[in-house]
């Protein structure tokens, strides 16, 4: 009888240890999964921010290119593009009458789109009255 009780006590301890190991293992798996999900989301956010910064820089570069076109030919109007590395942006210069001009420049890098709108009231020398990022033209 004593051997049977001793065996049952050892079996219960074994089940308790096994159950504890399973619970701790399950908690570890949940924590590891949560860390992986947070890491993937963080990497995606960083990638989106880099794309947005790149698109902003390209839109500003296109606006500067449009200003160079106006400096070279004060009557310049029309469309143009600029390619830097693997990125491309576009700009459009519109004559608003007299020496007033508007410039719309935009760029897309991956899925990030950034747009810049400028207005000028003089072309010789260039006088920028407004330079702002916009959602749409």
N, C-alpha and C. Protein backbone atom coordinates (compact mmCIF):
# COMPACT_ATOMS: atom_id res chain seq x y z
N UNK A 1 0.80 -1.18 0.00
CA UNK A 1 0.00 0.00 0.00
C UNK A 1 0.86 1.27 0.00
N UNK A 2 1.93 1.23 0.74
CA UNK A 2 2.82 2.37 0.81
C UNK A 2 3.46 2.65 -0.53
N UNK A 3 3.81 1.60 -1.29
CA UNK A 3 4.41 1.77 -2.61
C UNK A 3 3.41 2.41 -3.58
N UNK A 4 2.16 2.06 -3.50
CA UNK A 4 1.15 2.61 -4.40
C UNK A 4 0.96 4.10 -4.15
N UNK A 5 0.93 4.50 -2.84
CA UNK A 5 0.78 5.91 -2.53
C UNK A 5 2.01 6.69 -2.98
N UNK A 6 3.19 6.13 -2.81
CA UNK A 6 4.42 6.79 -3.22
C UNK A 6 4.43 6.96 -4.74
N UNK A 7 3.99 5.94 -5.46
CA UNK A 7 3.93 6.02 -6.92
C UNK A 7 2.94 7.09 -7.36
N UNK A 8 1.77 7.15 -6.70
CA UNK A 8 0.77 8.15 -7.04
C UNK A 8 1.27 9.57 -6.76
N UNK A 9 2.00 9.76 -5.65
CA UNK A 9 2.55 11.05 -5.31
C UNK A 9 3.58 11.49 -6.35
N UNK A 10 4.45 10.55 -6.78
CA UNK A 10 5.44 10.86 -7.81
C UNK A 10 4.77 11.19 -9.14
N UNK A 11 3.70 10.46 -9.45
CA UNK A 11 2.98 10.71 -10.70
C UNK A 11 2.34 12.10 -10.68
N UNK A 12 1.78 12.49 -9.53
CA UNK A 12 1.17 13.81 -9.43
C UNK A 12 2.23 14.90 -9.58
N UNK A 13 3.39 14.70 -8.95
CA UNK A 13 4.47 15.67 -9.08
C UNK A 13 4.92 15.77 -10.54
N UNK A 14 4.98 14.65 -11.21
CA UNK A 14 5.38 14.63 -12.61
C UNK A 14 4.38 15.37 -13.49
N UNK A 15 3.08 15.16 -13.21
CA UNK A 15 2.06 15.88 -13.96
C UNK A 15 2.13 17.38 -13.69
N UNK A 16 2.38 17.73 -12.44
CA UNK A 16 2.49 19.14 -12.08
C UNK A 16 3.66 19.80 -12.80
N UNK A 17 4.81 19.12 -12.82
CA UNK A 17 5.98 19.64 -13.52
C UNK A 17 5.70 19.75 -15.01
N UNK A 18 5.08 18.72 -15.59
CA UNK A 18 4.76 18.74 -17.02
C UNK A 18 3.79 19.87 -17.35
N UNK A 19 2.78 20.05 -16.53
CA UNK A 19 1.81 21.12 -16.75
C UNK A 19 2.48 22.49 -16.62
N UNK A 20 3.37 22.64 -15.65
CA UNK A 20 4.09 23.90 -15.47
C UNK A 20 4.96 24.21 -16.69
N UNK A 21 5.66 23.20 -17.19
CA UNK A 21 6.50 23.38 -18.37
C UNK A 21 5.65 23.77 -19.57
N UNK A 22 4.49 23.16 -19.75
CA UNK A 22 3.61 23.49 -20.86
C UNK A 22 3.08 24.92 -20.76
N UNK A 23 2.69 25.35 -19.56
CA UNK A 23 2.18 26.70 -19.37
C UNK A 23 3.29 27.73 -19.63
N UNK A 24 4.47 27.49 -19.08
CA UNK A 24 5.59 28.41 -19.29
C UNK A 24 5.96 28.45 -20.77
N UNK A 25 5.95 27.31 -21.43
CA UNK A 25 6.23 27.25 -22.87
C UNK A 25 5.20 28.03 -23.68
N UNK A 26 3.94 27.90 -23.32
CA UNK A 26 2.88 28.61 -24.03
C UNK A 26 3.03 30.12 -23.83
N UNK A 27 3.34 30.54 -22.63
CA UNK A 27 3.55 31.97 -22.36
C UNK A 27 4.74 32.48 -23.16
N UNK A 28 5.81 31.69 -23.24
CA UNK A 28 6.99 32.09 -24.01
C UNK A 28 6.66 32.22 -25.49
N UNK A 29 5.85 31.32 -26.02
CA UNK A 29 5.45 31.39 -27.42
C UNK A 29 4.61 32.64 -27.67
N UNK A 30 3.71 32.97 -26.77
CA UNK A 30 2.88 34.17 -26.92
C UNK A 30 3.76 35.42 -26.89
N UNK A 31 4.71 35.47 -25.97
CA UNK A 31 5.61 36.63 -25.88
C UNK A 31 6.46 36.75 -27.14
N UNK A 32 7.00 35.63 -27.61
CA UNK A 32 7.83 35.66 -28.81
C UNK A 32 7.02 36.11 -30.03
N UNK A 33 5.80 35.63 -30.14
CA UNK A 33 4.94 36.04 -31.26
C UNK A 33 4.63 37.54 -31.19
N UNK A 34 4.34 38.03 -30.00
CA UNK A 34 4.06 39.46 -29.84
C UNK A 34 5.28 40.29 -30.22
N UNK A 35 6.46 39.87 -29.82
CA UNK A 35 7.68 40.60 -30.17
C UNK A 35 7.92 40.59 -31.68
N UNK A 36 7.65 39.48 -32.33
CA UNK A 36 7.80 39.42 -33.79
C UNK A 36 6.83 40.36 -34.49
N UNK A 37 5.59 40.39 -34.04
CA UNK A 37 4.59 41.27 -34.65
C UNK A 37 4.98 42.73 -34.45
N UNK A 38 5.42 43.08 -33.25
CA UNK A 38 5.85 44.46 -32.99
C UNK A 38 7.06 44.80 -33.85
N UNK A 39 7.99 43.87 -34.01
CA UNK A 39 9.16 44.11 -34.84
C UNK A 39 8.81 44.32 -36.30
N UNK A 40 7.89 43.54 -36.83
CA UNK A 40 7.47 43.69 -38.22
C UNK A 40 6.76 45.03 -38.41
N UNK A 41 5.87 45.40 -37.48
CA UNK A 41 5.18 46.69 -37.57
C UNK A 41 6.17 47.85 -37.50
N UNK A 42 7.15 47.73 -36.63
CA UNK A 42 8.16 48.78 -36.50
C UNK A 42 8.98 48.91 -37.78
N UNK A 43 9.36 47.80 -38.37
CA UNK A 43 10.11 47.83 -39.63
C UNK A 43 9.28 48.46 -40.75
N UNK A 44 7.99 48.14 -40.79
CA UNK A 44 7.10 48.71 -41.80
C UNK A 44 6.97 50.22 -41.61
N UNK A 45 6.84 50.67 -40.35
CA UNK A 45 6.76 52.11 -40.08
C UNK A 45 8.02 52.83 -40.51
N UNK A 46 9.17 52.24 -40.23
CA UNK A 46 10.44 52.85 -40.62
C UNK A 46 10.53 52.95 -42.13
N UNK A 47 10.12 51.90 -42.83
CA UNK A 47 10.16 51.90 -44.29
C UNK A 47 9.23 52.97 -44.86
N UNK A 48 8.04 53.10 -44.29
CA UNK A 48 7.09 54.12 -44.76
C UNK A 48 7.62 55.52 -44.50
N UNK A 49 8.26 55.74 -43.35
CA UNK A 49 8.82 57.06 -43.05
C UNK A 49 9.96 57.39 -44.01
N UNK A 50 10.80 56.41 -44.32
CA UNK A 50 11.89 56.65 -45.27
C UNK A 50 11.34 56.97 -46.66
N UNK A 51 10.31 56.25 -47.08
CA UNK A 51 9.69 56.54 -48.38
C UNK A 51 9.10 57.94 -48.39
N UNK A 52 8.46 58.33 -47.30
CA UNK A 52 7.86 59.67 -47.22
C UNK A 52 8.94 60.75 -47.27
N UNK A 53 10.02 60.53 -46.55
CA UNK A 53 11.13 61.51 -46.59
C UNK A 53 11.73 61.60 -47.99
N UNK A 54 11.89 60.45 -48.62
CA UNK A 54 12.44 60.45 -49.98
C UNK A 54 11.53 61.16 -50.97
N UNK A 55 10.22 60.93 -50.85
CA UNK A 55 9.26 61.59 -51.74
C UNK A 55 9.26 63.10 -51.49
N UNK A 56 9.37 63.49 -50.24
CA UNK A 56 9.42 64.93 -49.91
C UNK A 56 10.67 65.57 -50.51
N UNK A 57 11.80 64.91 -50.34
CA UNK A 57 13.05 65.45 -50.89
C UNK A 57 12.98 65.56 -52.40
N UNK A 58 12.40 64.56 -53.06
CA UNK A 58 12.27 64.59 -54.52
C UNK A 58 11.33 65.71 -54.96
N UNK A 59 10.22 65.90 -54.27
CA UNK A 59 9.29 66.98 -54.63
C UNK A 59 9.96 68.34 -54.49
N UNK A 60 10.73 68.52 -53.44
CA UNK A 60 11.45 69.78 -53.25
C UNK A 60 12.54 69.95 -54.33
N UNK A 61 13.20 68.85 -54.69
CA UNK A 61 14.21 68.92 -55.75
C UNK A 61 13.56 69.33 -57.07
N UNK A 62 12.38 68.81 -57.35
CA UNK A 62 11.68 69.20 -58.58
C UNK A 62 11.28 70.67 -58.54
N UNK A 63 10.85 71.15 -57.39
CA UNK A 63 10.52 72.57 -57.27
C UNK A 63 11.76 73.42 -57.53
N UNK A 64 12.90 73.00 -57.01
CA UNK A 64 14.15 73.72 -57.26
C UNK A 64 14.53 73.67 -58.74
N UNK A 65 14.29 72.54 -59.37
CA UNK A 65 14.58 72.41 -60.81
C UNK A 65 13.69 73.36 -61.61
N UNK A 66 12.43 73.47 -61.22
CA UNK A 66 11.52 74.41 -61.90
C UNK A 66 12.02 75.85 -61.72
N UNK A 67 12.49 76.18 -60.53
CA UNK A 67 13.03 77.52 -60.30
C UNK A 67 14.27 77.75 -61.18
N UNK A 68 15.09 76.73 -61.36
CA UNK A 68 16.26 76.86 -62.25
C UNK A 68 15.82 77.11 -63.69
N UNK A 69 14.77 76.43 -64.11
CA UNK A 69 14.25 76.63 -65.46
C UNK A 69 13.77 78.08 -65.63
N UNK A 70 13.12 78.61 -64.61
CA UNK A 70 12.64 80.00 -64.67
C UNK A 70 13.83 80.97 -64.66
N UNK A 71 14.86 80.66 -63.87
CA UNK A 71 16.05 81.52 -63.86
C UNK A 71 16.70 81.56 -65.24
N UNK A 72 16.74 80.38 -65.89
CA UNK A 72 17.38 80.30 -67.21
C UNK A 72 16.55 81.00 -68.29
N UNK A 73 15.23 80.89 -68.19
CA UNK A 73 14.34 81.52 -69.19
C UNK A 73 13.13 82.05 -68.44
N UNK A 74 13.09 83.35 -68.23
CA UNK A 74 12.04 83.94 -67.40
C UNK A 74 10.63 83.70 -67.93
N UNK A 75 10.48 83.37 -69.21
CA UNK A 75 9.16 83.10 -69.76
C UNK A 75 8.83 81.61 -69.77
N UNK A 76 9.63 80.79 -69.07
CA UNK A 76 9.40 79.34 -69.07
C UNK A 76 8.06 79.00 -68.44
N UNK A 77 7.32 78.13 -69.12
CA UNK A 77 6.12 77.49 -68.58
C UNK A 77 6.12 76.08 -69.11
N UNK A 78 5.42 75.21 -68.44
CA UNK A 78 5.30 73.84 -68.92
C UNK A 78 5.71 72.81 -67.89
N UNK A 79 5.82 71.59 -68.41
CA UNK A 79 6.09 70.43 -67.56
C UNK A 79 7.56 70.04 -67.65
N UNK A 80 8.01 69.36 -66.62
CA UNK A 80 9.35 68.80 -66.63
C UNK A 80 9.45 67.67 -65.63
N UNK A 81 10.48 66.87 -65.77
CA UNK A 81 10.74 65.78 -64.83
C UNK A 81 12.19 65.82 -64.42
N UNK A 82 12.45 65.18 -63.30
CA UNK A 82 13.80 65.08 -62.78
C UNK A 82 13.98 63.68 -62.25
N UNK A 83 15.10 63.05 -62.59
CA UNK A 83 15.40 61.71 -62.10
C UNK A 83 16.68 61.76 -61.29
N UNK A 84 16.61 61.28 -60.08
CA UNK A 84 17.77 61.16 -59.20
C UNK A 84 17.83 59.72 -58.71
N UNK A 85 18.84 59.01 -59.13
CA UNK A 85 18.91 57.59 -58.78
C UNK A 85 17.76 56.85 -59.42
N UNK A 86 17.01 56.13 -58.61
CA UNK A 86 15.86 55.39 -59.14
C UNK A 86 14.55 56.15 -58.93
N UNK A 87 14.62 57.36 -58.41
CA UNK A 87 13.41 58.13 -58.13
C UNK A 87 13.21 59.23 -59.18
N UNK A 88 11.94 59.49 -59.48
CA UNK A 88 11.58 60.51 -60.46
C UNK A 88 10.49 61.40 -59.87
N UNK A 89 10.54 62.67 -60.23
CA UNK A 89 9.50 63.60 -59.82
C UNK A 89 9.11 64.44 -61.02
N UNK A 90 8.02 65.15 -60.90
CA UNK A 90 7.55 66.00 -61.98
C UNK A 90 7.15 67.37 -61.47
N UNK A 91 7.21 68.35 -62.36
CA UNK A 91 6.80 69.71 -62.00
C UNK A 91 6.07 70.34 -63.16
N UNK A 92 5.26 71.34 -62.82
CA UNK A 92 4.51 72.10 -63.82
C UNK A 92 4.57 73.57 -63.43
N UNK A 93 5.01 74.40 -64.37
CA UNK A 93 5.10 75.84 -64.16
C UNK A 93 4.00 76.50 -64.98
N UNK A 94 3.19 77.33 -64.32
CA UNK A 94 2.07 78.00 -64.98
C UNK A 94 2.26 79.50 -64.83
N UNK A 95 2.07 80.23 -65.94
CA UNK A 95 2.13 81.69 -65.93
C UNK A 95 0.77 82.19 -65.47
N UNK A 96 0.76 82.91 -64.36
CA UNK A 96 -0.49 83.45 -63.82
C UNK A 96 -0.77 84.87 -64.31
N UNK A 97 0.09 85.35 -65.19
CA UNK A 97 -0.05 86.71 -65.72
C UNK A 97 1.06 87.59 -65.22
N UNK A 98 1.62 88.36 -66.11
CA UNK A 98 2.72 89.24 -65.74
C UNK A 98 3.93 88.41 -65.34
N UNK A 99 4.47 88.73 -64.18
CA UNK A 99 5.63 87.97 -63.69
C UNK A 99 5.23 86.97 -62.60
N UNK A 100 3.94 86.74 -62.45
CA UNK A 100 3.46 85.78 -61.46
C UNK A 100 3.51 84.36 -62.04
N UNK A 101 4.02 83.44 -61.26
CA UNK A 101 4.09 82.03 -61.68
C UNK A 101 3.64 81.14 -60.52
N UNK A 102 3.13 79.98 -60.88
CA UNK A 102 2.88 78.95 -59.87
C UNK A 102 3.64 77.70 -60.31
N UNK A 103 4.15 77.00 -59.33
CA UNK A 103 4.88 75.75 -59.56
C UNK A 103 4.21 74.67 -58.74
N UNK A 104 3.91 73.56 -59.39
CA UNK A 104 3.38 72.38 -58.71
C UNK A 104 4.37 71.26 -58.94
N UNK A 105 4.91 70.70 -57.87
CA UNK A 105 5.89 69.62 -57.98
C UNK A 105 5.42 68.45 -57.13
N UNK A 106 5.58 67.23 -57.66
CA UNK A 106 5.16 66.06 -56.89
C UNK A 106 6.10 64.89 -57.16
N UNK A 107 6.12 63.99 -56.19
CA UNK A 107 6.95 62.80 -56.31
C UNK A 107 6.29 61.65 -55.56
N UNK A 108 6.51 60.46 -56.06
CA UNK A 108 6.04 59.25 -55.40
C UNK A 108 7.23 58.32 -55.21
N UNK A 109 7.46 57.91 -53.99
CA UNK A 109 8.50 56.94 -53.68
C UNK A 109 7.81 55.79 -52.96
N UNK A 110 7.89 54.61 -53.57
CA UNK A 110 7.11 53.45 -53.12
C UNK A 110 5.64 53.86 -53.10
N UNK A 111 5.00 53.90 -51.95
CA UNK A 111 3.59 54.31 -51.93
C UNK A 111 3.42 55.71 -51.35
N UNK A 112 4.50 56.36 -50.99
CA UNK A 112 4.43 57.70 -50.40
C UNK A 112 4.39 58.76 -51.49
N UNK A 113 3.40 59.65 -51.42
CA UNK A 113 3.25 60.74 -52.38
C UNK A 113 3.39 62.05 -51.63
N UNK A 114 4.26 62.92 -52.13
CA UNK A 114 4.41 64.25 -51.52
C UNK A 114 4.31 65.29 -52.63
N UNK A 115 3.65 66.43 -52.31
CA UNK A 115 3.42 67.49 -53.29
C UNK A 115 3.79 68.83 -52.67
N UNK A 116 4.34 69.70 -53.52
CA UNK A 116 4.76 71.03 -53.10
C UNK A 116 4.17 72.04 -54.08
N UNK A 117 3.64 73.13 -53.54
CA UNK A 117 3.10 74.22 -54.38
C UNK A 117 3.83 75.51 -54.04
N UNK A 118 4.29 76.20 -55.08
CA UNK A 118 4.99 77.47 -54.92
C UNK A 118 4.28 78.53 -55.73
N UNK A 119 4.37 79.76 -55.26
CA UNK A 119 3.93 80.90 -56.06
C UNK A 119 5.04 81.94 -56.05
N UNK A 120 5.20 82.59 -57.20
CA UNK A 120 6.20 83.64 -57.37
C UNK A 120 5.49 84.90 -57.81
N UNK A 121 5.99 86.05 -57.36
CA UNK A 121 5.42 87.30 -57.87
C UNK A 121 6.43 88.06 -58.73
N UNK A 122 7.67 87.54 -58.80
CA UNK A 122 8.68 88.13 -59.68
C UNK A 122 9.59 87.01 -60.17
N UNK A 123 10.07 87.17 -61.40
CA UNK A 123 10.99 86.18 -61.95
C UNK A 123 12.41 86.71 -62.11
N UNK A 124 12.60 88.03 -62.09
CA UNK A 124 13.95 88.63 -62.18
C UNK A 124 14.08 89.70 -61.13
N UNK A 125 14.67 89.50 -60.01
CA UNK A 125 15.08 88.22 -59.45
C UNK A 125 13.85 87.45 -58.95
N UNK A 126 14.01 86.16 -58.79
CA UNK A 126 12.89 85.33 -58.35
C UNK A 126 12.51 85.70 -56.92
N UNK A 127 11.22 85.89 -56.73
CA UNK A 127 10.70 86.18 -55.39
C UNK A 127 9.59 85.17 -55.09
N UNK A 128 9.86 84.28 -54.17
CA UNK A 128 8.88 83.24 -53.80
C UNK A 128 7.98 83.81 -52.71
N UNK A 129 6.69 83.84 -52.98
CA UNK A 129 5.73 84.35 -52.00
C UNK A 129 5.12 83.24 -51.16
N UNK A 130 5.16 82.01 -51.67
CA UNK A 130 4.60 80.88 -50.92
C UNK A 130 5.30 79.60 -51.35
N UNK A 131 5.65 78.78 -50.38
CA UNK A 131 6.23 77.45 -50.63
C UNK A 131 5.66 76.56 -49.55
N UNK A 132 4.77 75.65 -49.95
CA UNK A 132 4.14 74.80 -48.94
C UNK A 132 3.85 73.42 -49.50
N UNK A 133 3.87 72.45 -48.58
CA UNK A 133 3.46 71.11 -48.96
C UNK A 133 1.93 71.08 -48.94
N UNK A 134 1.38 70.41 -49.94
CA UNK A 134 -0.08 70.36 -50.07
C UNK A 134 -0.52 68.91 -50.23
N UNK A 135 -1.79 68.70 -49.98
CA UNK A 135 -2.34 67.35 -50.17
C UNK A 135 -2.65 67.12 -51.63
N UNK A 136 -3.18 68.14 -52.28
CA UNK A 136 -3.49 68.04 -53.70
C UNK A 136 -3.39 69.44 -54.31
N UNK A 137 -3.23 69.48 -55.63
CA UNK A 137 -3.12 70.75 -56.33
C UNK A 137 -4.48 71.25 -56.73
